[in-house]
């Protein structure tokens, strides 16, 4: 008969039953939910805070995306100018030309 070990997850407080011989989780029990009474006004303030934080995050992401386009365009122009300056007029050798 295999030994079964009961373990409590420190993160979520769920209980896991582990078969030690096979090394697998045989059963689990989710943690008991303790319903906390939350003040409606406090929850409204928290939701408003989360909404403002999400809006700030979105604004920052949009700003980064706009500057990314500009930076990529500048880098492309810089590389194109370098390629034109270093062009010696010869064509690169292709694999098909070597046959």
N, C-alpha and C. Protein backbone atom coordinates (compact mmCIF):
# COMPACT_ATOMS: atom_id res chain seq x y z
N UNK A 1 0.84 -1.18 0.00
CA UNK A 1 0.00 0.00 0.00
C UNK A 1 0.89 1.24 0.00
N UNK A 2 0.56 2.19 -0.85
CA UNK A 2 1.38 3.39 -0.96
C UNK A 2 0.97 4.39 0.11
N UNK A 3 1.97 5.16 0.50
CA UNK A 3 1.73 6.17 1.52
C UNK A 3 1.27 7.46 0.84
N UNK A 4 0.25 8.09 1.40
CA UNK A 4 -0.26 9.34 0.86
C UNK A 4 0.06 10.46 1.84
N UNK A 5 0.50 11.55 1.31
CA UNK A 5 0.95 12.67 2.10
C UNK A 5 0.00 13.84 1.89
N UNK A 6 -0.46 14.46 2.96
CA UNK A 6 -1.31 15.65 2.87
C UNK A 6 -0.44 16.89 3.03
N UNK A 7 -0.54 17.81 2.06
CA UNK A 7 0.27 19.02 2.05
C UNK A 7 -0.66 20.22 1.86
N UNK A 8 -0.39 21.29 2.59
CA UNK A 8 -1.16 22.52 2.44
C UNK A 8 -0.31 23.53 1.66
N UNK A 9 -0.88 24.06 0.59
CA UNK A 9 -0.17 25.05 -0.23
C UNK A 9 -0.04 26.35 0.57
N UNK A 10 1.18 26.88 0.68
CA UNK A 10 1.35 28.12 1.45
C UNK A 10 0.79 29.34 0.74
N UNK A 11 0.62 29.24 -0.57
CA UNK A 11 0.13 30.39 -1.33
C UNK A 11 -1.39 30.51 -1.28
N UNK A 12 -2.09 29.44 -1.63
CA UNK A 12 -3.55 29.53 -1.73
C UNK A 12 -4.28 28.79 -0.63
N UNK A 13 -3.56 28.10 0.24
CA UNK A 13 -4.14 27.36 1.36
C UNK A 13 -5.00 26.17 0.94
N UNK A 14 -4.81 25.65 -0.27
CA UNK A 14 -5.54 24.45 -0.67
C UNK A 14 -4.79 23.23 -0.14
N UNK A 15 -5.50 22.13 0.04
CA UNK A 15 -4.91 20.90 0.57
C UNK A 15 -4.70 19.91 -0.58
N UNK A 16 -3.48 19.40 -0.68
CA UNK A 16 -3.12 18.44 -1.73
C UNK A 16 -2.83 17.10 -1.08
N UNK A 17 -3.31 16.02 -1.70
CA UNK A 17 -2.99 14.67 -1.25
C UNK A 17 -2.06 14.09 -2.31
N UNK A 18 -0.84 13.73 -1.89
CA UNK A 18 0.19 13.30 -2.82
C UNK A 18 0.54 11.83 -2.57
N UNK A 19 0.57 11.05 -3.64
CA UNK A 19 1.02 9.66 -3.57
C UNK A 19 2.55 9.69 -3.63
N UNK A 20 3.20 9.29 -2.53
CA UNK A 20 4.66 9.42 -2.45
C UNK A 20 5.40 8.45 -3.37
N UNK A 21 4.82 7.30 -3.60
CA UNK A 21 5.48 6.31 -4.46
C UNK A 21 5.45 6.75 -5.92
N UNK A 22 4.29 7.21 -6.40
CA UNK A 22 4.16 7.63 -7.79
C UNK A 22 4.62 9.07 -7.99
N UNK A 23 4.61 9.87 -6.91
CA UNK A 23 5.03 11.26 -7.02
C UNK A 23 4.02 12.13 -7.73
N UNK A 24 2.74 11.82 -7.59
CA UNK A 24 1.69 12.60 -8.26
C UNK A 24 0.66 13.06 -7.24
N UNK A 25 -0.08 14.10 -7.60
CA UNK A 25 -1.16 14.60 -6.77
C UNK A 25 -2.39 13.73 -7.04
N UNK A 26 -2.90 13.11 -6.00
CA UNK A 26 -4.04 12.20 -6.12
C UNK A 26 -5.35 12.96 -5.94
N UNK A 27 -5.37 13.90 -5.00
CA UNK A 27 -6.60 14.62 -4.69
C UNK A 27 -6.24 16.02 -4.20
N UNK A 28 -7.16 16.93 -4.36
CA UNK A 28 -6.96 18.27 -3.83
C UNK A 28 -8.28 18.83 -3.34
N UNK A 29 -8.19 19.69 -2.36
CA UNK A 29 -9.37 20.37 -1.83
C UNK A 29 -9.08 21.86 -1.86
N UNK A 30 -9.94 22.62 -2.54
CA UNK A 30 -9.72 24.07 -2.59
C UNK A 30 -9.89 24.69 -1.20
N UNK A 31 -9.28 25.83 -0.99
CA UNK A 31 -9.37 26.46 0.32
C UNK A 31 -10.78 26.94 0.62
N UNK A 32 -11.10 26.98 1.88
CA UNK A 32 -12.41 27.50 2.28
C UNK A 32 -12.41 29.00 2.07
N UNK A 33 -13.44 29.48 1.44
CA UNK A 33 -13.56 30.91 1.17
C UNK A 33 -14.22 31.59 2.35
N UNK A 34 -13.51 32.52 2.91
CA UNK A 34 -14.08 33.30 3.99
C UNK A 34 -14.57 34.61 3.38
N UNK A 35 -15.86 34.79 3.37
CA UNK A 35 -16.40 35.99 2.76
C UNK A 35 -16.23 37.16 3.72
N UNK A 36 -15.51 38.14 3.25
CA UNK A 36 -15.31 39.34 4.04
C UNK A 36 -16.36 40.36 3.65
N UNK A 37 -16.83 41.06 4.61
CA UNK A 37 -17.79 42.11 4.31
C UNK A 37 -17.02 43.35 3.91
N UNK A 38 -17.33 43.83 2.71
CA UNK A 38 -16.63 44.98 2.17
C UNK A 38 -17.63 46.13 2.06
N UNK A 39 -17.17 47.26 2.49
CA UNK A 39 -18.00 48.45 2.39
C UNK A 39 -18.15 48.82 0.91
N UNK A 40 -19.35 49.12 0.51
CA UNK A 40 -19.64 49.44 -0.89
C UNK A 40 -18.83 50.65 -1.35
N UNK A 41 -18.75 51.67 -0.54
CA UNK A 41 -18.00 52.88 -0.93
C UNK A 41 -16.51 52.60 -1.05
N UNK A 42 -15.98 51.75 -0.15
CA UNK A 42 -14.56 51.39 -0.25
C UNK A 42 -14.29 50.64 -1.54
N UNK A 43 -15.18 49.72 -1.90
CA UNK A 43 -15.00 48.96 -3.13
C UNK A 43 -15.11 49.85 -4.35
N UNK A 44 -16.02 50.82 -4.31
CA UNK A 44 -16.14 51.78 -5.42
C UNK A 44 -14.85 52.58 -5.59
N UNK A 45 -14.27 53.01 -4.47
CA UNK A 45 -13.01 53.76 -4.54
C UNK A 45 -11.89 52.88 -5.10
N UNK A 46 -11.87 51.62 -4.70
CA UNK A 46 -10.85 50.70 -5.20
C UNK A 46 -11.01 50.47 -6.70
N UNK A 47 -12.25 50.32 -7.14
CA UNK A 47 -12.49 50.13 -8.58
C UNK A 47 -12.09 51.36 -9.38
N UNK A 48 -12.38 52.54 -8.84
CA UNK A 48 -12.00 53.79 -9.51
C UNK A 48 -10.47 53.89 -9.59
N UNK A 49 -9.80 53.50 -8.52
CA UNK A 49 -8.34 53.51 -8.50
C UNK A 49 -7.77 52.55 -9.55
N UNK A 50 -8.35 51.35 -9.64
CA UNK A 50 -7.91 50.38 -10.64
C UNK A 50 -8.16 50.89 -12.05
N UNK A 51 -9.28 51.56 -12.24
CA UNK A 51 -9.61 52.12 -13.55
C UNK A 51 -8.60 53.19 -13.94
N UNK A 52 -8.25 54.06 -13.00
CA UNK A 52 -7.26 55.11 -13.28
C UNK A 52 -5.89 54.51 -13.57
N UNK A 53 -5.52 53.48 -12.82
CA UNK A 53 -4.24 52.83 -13.04
C UNK A 53 -4.20 52.17 -14.42
N UNK A 54 -5.29 51.55 -14.83
CA UNK A 54 -5.35 50.93 -16.16
C UNK A 54 -5.27 51.98 -17.26
N UNK A 55 -5.92 53.12 -17.05
CA UNK A 55 -5.86 54.20 -18.03
C UNK A 55 -4.44 54.74 -18.14
N UNK A 56 -3.75 54.89 -17.01
CA UNK A 56 -2.37 55.35 -17.04
C UNK A 56 -1.46 54.36 -17.76
N UNK A 57 -1.69 53.07 -17.50
CA UNK A 57 -0.90 52.03 -18.16
C UNK A 57 -1.13 52.06 -19.67
N UNK A 58 -2.37 52.22 -20.08
CA UNK A 58 -2.70 52.27 -21.51
C UNK A 58 -2.08 53.50 -22.17
N UNK A 59 -2.12 54.63 -21.48
CA UNK A 59 -1.53 55.86 -22.02
C UNK A 59 -0.02 55.70 -22.19
N UNK A 60 0.62 55.07 -21.22
CA UNK A 60 2.07 54.83 -21.31
C UNK A 60 2.39 53.89 -22.47
N UNK A 61 1.58 52.85 -22.65
CA UNK A 61 1.79 51.90 -23.74
C UNK A 61 1.62 52.59 -25.09
N UNK A 62 0.62 53.45 -25.20
CA UNK A 62 0.40 54.19 -26.46
C UNK A 62 1.57 55.12 -26.76
N UNK A 63 2.07 55.79 -25.72
CA UNK A 63 3.21 56.70 -25.90
C UNK A 63 4.44 55.93 -26.36
N UNK A 64 4.68 54.76 -25.76
CA UNK A 64 5.83 53.95 -26.17
C UNK A 64 5.68 53.46 -27.60
N UNK A 65 4.47 53.08 -27.97
CA UNK A 65 4.24 52.58 -29.33
C UNK A 65 4.47 53.68 -30.36
N UNK A 66 4.03 54.90 -30.06
CA UNK A 66 4.25 56.01 -30.99
C UNK A 66 5.72 56.33 -31.12
N UNK A 67 6.44 56.36 -30.01
CA UNK A 67 7.87 56.67 -30.08
C UNK A 67 8.63 55.52 -30.74
N UNK A 68 8.13 54.30 -30.61
CA UNK A 68 8.77 53.14 -31.24
C UNK A 68 8.75 53.29 -32.76
N UNK A 69 7.63 53.73 -33.32
CA UNK A 69 7.54 53.93 -34.76
C UNK A 69 8.55 54.97 -35.23
N UNK A 70 8.67 56.06 -34.48
CA UNK A 70 9.61 57.11 -34.85
C UNK A 70 11.04 56.60 -34.76
N UNK A 71 11.37 55.86 -33.71
CA UNK A 71 12.72 55.35 -33.55
C UNK A 71 13.08 54.35 -34.64
N UNK A 72 12.13 53.49 -35.00
CA UNK A 72 12.39 52.52 -36.07
C UNK A 72 12.58 53.22 -37.41
N UNK A 73 11.81 54.24 -37.67
CA UNK A 73 11.95 55.00 -38.91
C UNK A 73 13.31 55.69 -38.97
N UNK A 74 13.73 56.30 -37.85
CA UNK A 74 15.04 56.96 -37.80
C UNK A 74 16.16 55.95 -38.02
N UNK A 75 16.06 54.80 -37.39
CA UNK A 75 17.09 53.77 -37.54
C UNK A 75 17.14 53.25 -38.98
N UNK A 76 15.98 53.07 -39.61
CA UNK A 76 15.93 52.62 -40.99
C UNK A 76 16.61 53.64 -41.91
N UNK A 77 16.29 54.91 -41.71
CA UNK A 77 16.91 55.96 -42.54
C UNK A 77 18.42 55.98 -42.36
N UNK A 78 18.88 55.83 -41.13
CA UNK A 78 20.30 55.83 -40.84
C UNK A 78 21.00 54.67 -41.54
N UNK A 79 20.43 53.48 -41.46
CA UNK A 79 21.02 52.32 -42.12
C UNK A 79 20.98 52.43 -43.64
N UNK A 80 19.91 53.01 -44.17
CA UNK A 80 19.80 53.20 -45.61
C UNK A 80 20.86 54.18 -46.10
N UNK A 81 21.08 55.26 -45.36
CA UNK A 81 22.12 56.23 -45.73
C UNK A 81 23.50 55.59 -45.68
N UNK A 82 23.76 54.78 -44.65
CA UNK A 82 25.06 54.09 -44.56
C UNK A 82 25.25 53.13 -45.73
N UNK A 83 24.19 52.43 -46.11
CA UNK A 83 24.28 51.50 -47.24
C UNK A 83 24.56 52.24 -48.53
N UNK A 84 23.97 53.41 -48.71
CA UNK A 84 24.21 54.20 -49.93
C UNK A 84 25.63 54.74 -49.95
N UNK A 85 26.17 55.15 -48.81
CA UNK A 85 27.53 55.68 -48.74
C UNK A 85 28.57 54.60 -49.01
N UNK A 86 28.31 53.40 -48.53
CA UNK A 86 29.28 52.31 -48.67
C UNK A 86 29.08 51.48 -49.93
N UNK A 87 28.19 51.88 -50.81
CA UNK A 87 27.92 51.13 -52.03
C UNK A 87 29.06 51.34 -53.02
N UNK A 88 29.69 50.24 -53.46
CA UNK A 88 30.80 50.33 -54.42
C UNK A 88 30.34 50.05 -55.85
N UNK A 89 29.07 49.83 -56.05
CA UNK A 89 28.53 49.63 -57.39
C UNK A 89 28.54 48.19 -57.87
N UNK A 90 29.22 47.31 -57.16
CA UNK A 90 29.25 45.92 -57.59
C UNK A 90 28.01 45.20 -57.08
N UNK A 91 27.64 44.16 -57.79
CA UNK A 91 26.47 43.38 -57.41
C UNK A 91 26.93 42.20 -56.55
N UNK A 92 26.17 41.81 -55.59
CA UNK A 92 26.56 40.65 -54.77
C UNK A 92 26.48 39.37 -55.59
N UNK A 93 27.33 38.42 -55.27
CA UNK A 93 27.35 37.14 -55.95
C UNK A 93 26.21 36.29 -55.39
N UNK A 94 25.42 35.73 -56.30
CA UNK A 94 24.31 34.87 -55.90
C UNK A 94 24.74 33.42 -56.04
N UNK A 95 24.07 32.56 -55.33
CA UNK A 95 24.39 31.12 -55.38
C UNK A 95 24.24 30.57 -56.78
N UNK A 96 23.25 31.03 -57.50
CA UNK A 96 23.02 30.52 -58.86
C UNK A 96 24.12 30.91 -59.82
N UNK A 97 24.81 32.02 -59.55
CA UNK A 97 25.90 32.47 -60.42
C UNK A 97 27.14 31.59 -60.26
N UNK A 98 27.25 30.86 -59.18
CA UNK A 98 28.43 30.05 -58.91
C UNK A 98 28.42 28.73 -59.68
N UNK A 99 27.28 28.32 -60.23
CA UNK A 99 27.20 27.06 -60.97
C UNK A 99 27.84 27.13 -62.32
